Amino acid sequence: MPADDFFLQQALELAREAEADGEVPVGAVIVLKGEIIGRGRNSPISLNDPTAHAEILAMREACKTLGNYRLEGATIYATLEPCVMCAGALVNARVERLVFGARDLRFGGVRSKFRLADAEVLNHRLEIVEGVLGADCAELLERFFKRRR
C-alpha cells in the first residue's frame, strides 16, 4: 500500500534521528484516520529508561493525543519488528494493525522469536504486515552495528 510506504518512511526518519544521537536506529509512528498521532525513536540511553523503545514512546504520545489508553483503529509503523515488551503493549493498547520493516532475529516478539501480537490465546490480535521498506530498515541497522564493532 502506498500509505504504508509513506508512514514507514516517516518512521525511518525517526530511526535516523536516533542513530545520530547514538541510539539503536529504530523509529515508529502511530496513525489514526490518516494522521500521525504519535512518534517515537529509540531513546533508552538518553532517557536512562530501558522501556524507552520507539514503539513505547510513540504509544505514550498517541495516548496523550487521544486522551485514552486505548488506540483502537490505529496502525503502528515500526522500522524493526517489536520486542516482546512492545508487542505486549500493542496488544494491551488494542492497536489494530502493525506494519514493520525488518525482522529482529534476536529479540523479535511478533514473528522471529515469538508470535505475541496475534496469538490466538489472547483476547486481542493485531493484523501484521511485515517487510515494508525492509531492505532500507535492515541496511540502517546493519550499518549502525558495523560502525559500533
Protein backbone atom coordinates (compact mmCIF):
# COMPACT_ATOMS: atom_id res chain seq x y z
CA MET A 1 0.00 0.00 0.00
CA PRO A 2 1.34 3.45 -0.81
CA ALA A 3 0.26 4.77 2.60
CA ASP A 4 2.27 2.04 4.31
CA ASP A 5 5.41 3.12 2.44
CA PHE A 6 4.79 6.77 3.28
CA PHE A 7 4.29 6.24 7.01
CA LEU A 8 7.14 3.76 7.31
CA GLN A 9 9.34 6.37 5.65
CA GLN A 10 8.36 8.73 8.50
CA ALA A 11 9.44 6.07 10.99
CA LEU A 12 12.75 5.69 9.14
CA GLU A 13 13.40 9.40 9.58
CA LEU A 14 12.93 8.98 13.33
CA ALA A 15 15.28 5.98 13.27
CA ARG A 16 17.94 8.13 11.62
CA GLU A 17 17.48 10.73 14.37
CA ALA A 18 18.01 8.01 16.97
CA GLU A 19 21.16 6.90 15.18
CA ALA A 20 22.50 10.48 15.15
CA ASP A 21 22.09 10.50 18.94
CA GLY A 22 23.95 7.21 19.37
CA GLU A 23 20.84 5.12 19.94
CA VAL A 24 19.96 1.93 18.07
CA PRO A 25 18.21 3.29 14.95
CA VAL A 26 14.59 2.30 15.40
CA GLY A 27 11.64 4.60 14.76
CA ALA A 28 7.87 4.28 15.00
CA VAL A 29 4.79 6.32 14.18
CA ILE A 30 1.17 5.68 15.07
CA VAL A 31 -1.51 6.65 12.60
CA LEU A 32 -5.24 7.01 13.05
CA LYS A 33 -7.55 8.07 10.21
CA GLY A 34 -4.59 9.02 8.03
CA GLU A 35 -2.93 11.27 10.62
CA ILE A 36 0.17 10.67 12.70
CA ILE A 37 -0.87 10.86 16.34
CA GLY A 38 2.30 9.54 17.94
CA ARG A 39 6.01 9.44 17.16
CA GLY A 40 8.88 7.68 18.85
CA ARG A 41 12.50 6.80 18.34
CA ASN A 42 14.69 4.58 20.43
CA SER A 43 15.88 6.56 23.46
CA PRO A 44 16.78 4.17 26.30
CA ILE A 45 20.33 5.54 26.60
CA SER A 46 19.47 9.24 26.55
CA LEU A 47 16.44 8.80 28.84
CA ASN A 48 18.08 6.21 31.12
CA ASP A 49 14.96 4.14 30.63
CA PRO A 50 15.02 0.54 29.40
CA THR A 51 11.39 0.87 28.29
CA ALA A 52 12.08 3.87 26.03
CA HIS A 53 11.74 1.89 22.81
CA ALA A 54 10.41 3.68 19.74
CA GLU A 55 7.06 1.88 19.89
CA ILE A 56 6.50 2.62 23.59
CA LEU A 57 7.30 6.31 23.14
CA ALA A 58 5.01 6.51 20.10
CA MET A 59 2.20 4.85 22.08
CA ARG A 60 2.67 7.24 25.00
CA GLU A 61 2.39 10.25 22.69
CA ALA A 62 -0.59 8.79 20.81
CA CYS A 63 -2.44 8.06 24.04
CA LYS A 64 -1.85 11.61 25.24
CA THR A 65 -3.03 12.95 21.89
CA LEU A 66 -6.26 10.96 22.14
CA GLY A 67 -6.70 11.26 25.90
CA ASN A 68 -7.19 7.50 26.06
CA TYR A 69 -5.06 4.49 26.95
CA ARG A 70 -6.62 2.54 24.09
CA LEU A 71 -5.55 3.02 20.48
CA GLU A 72 -8.40 1.22 18.78
CA GLY A 73 -8.35 1.55 15.00
CA ALA A 74 -4.74 2.76 14.98
CA THR A 75 -1.84 1.44 12.93
CA ILE A 76 1.74 1.47 14.16
CA TYR A 77 4.58 1.65 11.68
CA ALA A 78 7.93 0.47 13.07
CA THR A 79 11.24 0.07 11.31
CA LEU A 80 12.06 -3.08 13.31
CA GLU A 81 9.92 -5.99 14.48
CA PRO A 82 8.77 -5.14 18.02
CA CYS A 83 10.25 -6.96 21.02
CA VAL A 84 8.06 -8.89 23.45
CA MET A 85 7.63 -5.84 25.72
CA CYS A 86 6.46 -3.66 22.85
CA ALA A 87 4.29 -6.38 21.31
CA GLY A 88 2.53 -6.86 24.65
CA ALA A 89 1.93 -3.12 24.96
CA LEU A 90 0.48 -3.02 21.44
CA VAL A 91 -1.96 -5.78 22.37
CA ASN A 92 -2.90 -4.05 25.64
CA ALA A 93 -3.49 -0.75 23.82
CA ARG A 94 -5.72 -2.55 21.28
CA VAL A 95 -3.74 -1.28 18.30
CA GLU A 96 -5.44 -2.64 15.19
CA ARG A 97 -2.54 -3.06 12.82
CA LEU A 98 1.26 -3.35 12.88
CA VAL A 99 3.41 -2.64 9.84
CA PHE A 100 7.14 -3.22 10.26
CA GLY A 101 10.21 -3.20 8.07
CA ALA A 102 12.91 -5.59 9.24
CA ARG A 103 12.71 -8.69 11.39
CA ASP A 104 14.61 -8.76 14.68
CA LEU A 105 16.13 -12.22 14.61
CA ARG A 106 17.47 -11.92 18.17
CA PHE A 107 14.56 -10.39 20.10
CA GLY A 108 11.55 -10.27 17.79
CA GLY A 109 8.27 -10.65 19.66
CA VAL A 110 5.97 -10.77 16.65
CA ARG A 111 7.46 -13.21 14.14
CA SER A 112 11.13 -14.09 14.70
CA LYS A 113 11.20 -15.49 18.26
CA PHE A 114 7.61 -15.21 19.48
CA ARG A 115 4.20 -14.59 17.92
CA LEU A 116 2.72 -12.48 20.67
CA ALA A 117 0.81 -9.81 18.74
CA ASP A 118 -1.57 -12.22 17.02
CA ALA A 119 -1.54 -15.19 19.40
CA GLU A 120 -4.88 -16.98 19.47
CA VAL A 121 -4.78 -17.29 23.28
CA LEU A 122 -5.10 -13.51 23.66
CA ASN A 123 -8.33 -11.53 23.60
CA HIS A 124 -6.95 -9.04 21.06
CA ARG A 125 -4.87 -9.69 17.97
CA LEU A 126 -3.20 -7.27 15.60
CA GLU A 127 -3.18 -7.53 11.85
CA ILE A 128 0.51 -7.78 10.92
CA VAL A 129 2.24 -6.69 7.73
CA GLU A 130 5.98 -7.22 7.52
CA GLY A 131 8.75 -6.32 5.12
CA VAL A 132 7.57 -2.86 4.08
CA LEU A 133 10.78 -0.98 3.15
CA GLY A 134 12.51 -3.94 4.78
CA ALA A 135 15.79 -3.55 2.90
CA ASP A 136 16.11 0.12 3.92
CA CYS A 137 15.31 -0.67 7.55
CA ALA A 138 17.75 -3.59 7.69
CA GLU A 139 20.52 -1.60 5.99
CA LEU A 140 20.24 1.20 8.54
CA LEU A 141 20.61 -1.25 11.42
CA GLU A 142 23.45 -3.20 9.77
CA ARG A 143 25.42 -0.03 9.09
CA PHE A 144 24.93 1.15 12.67
CA PHE A 145 26.16 -2.09 14.21
CA LYS A 146 29.13 -2.40 11.81
CA ARG A 147 30.35 1.03 12.94
CA ARG A 148 29.97 0.01 16.60
CA ARG A 149 32.07 -3.14 16.27
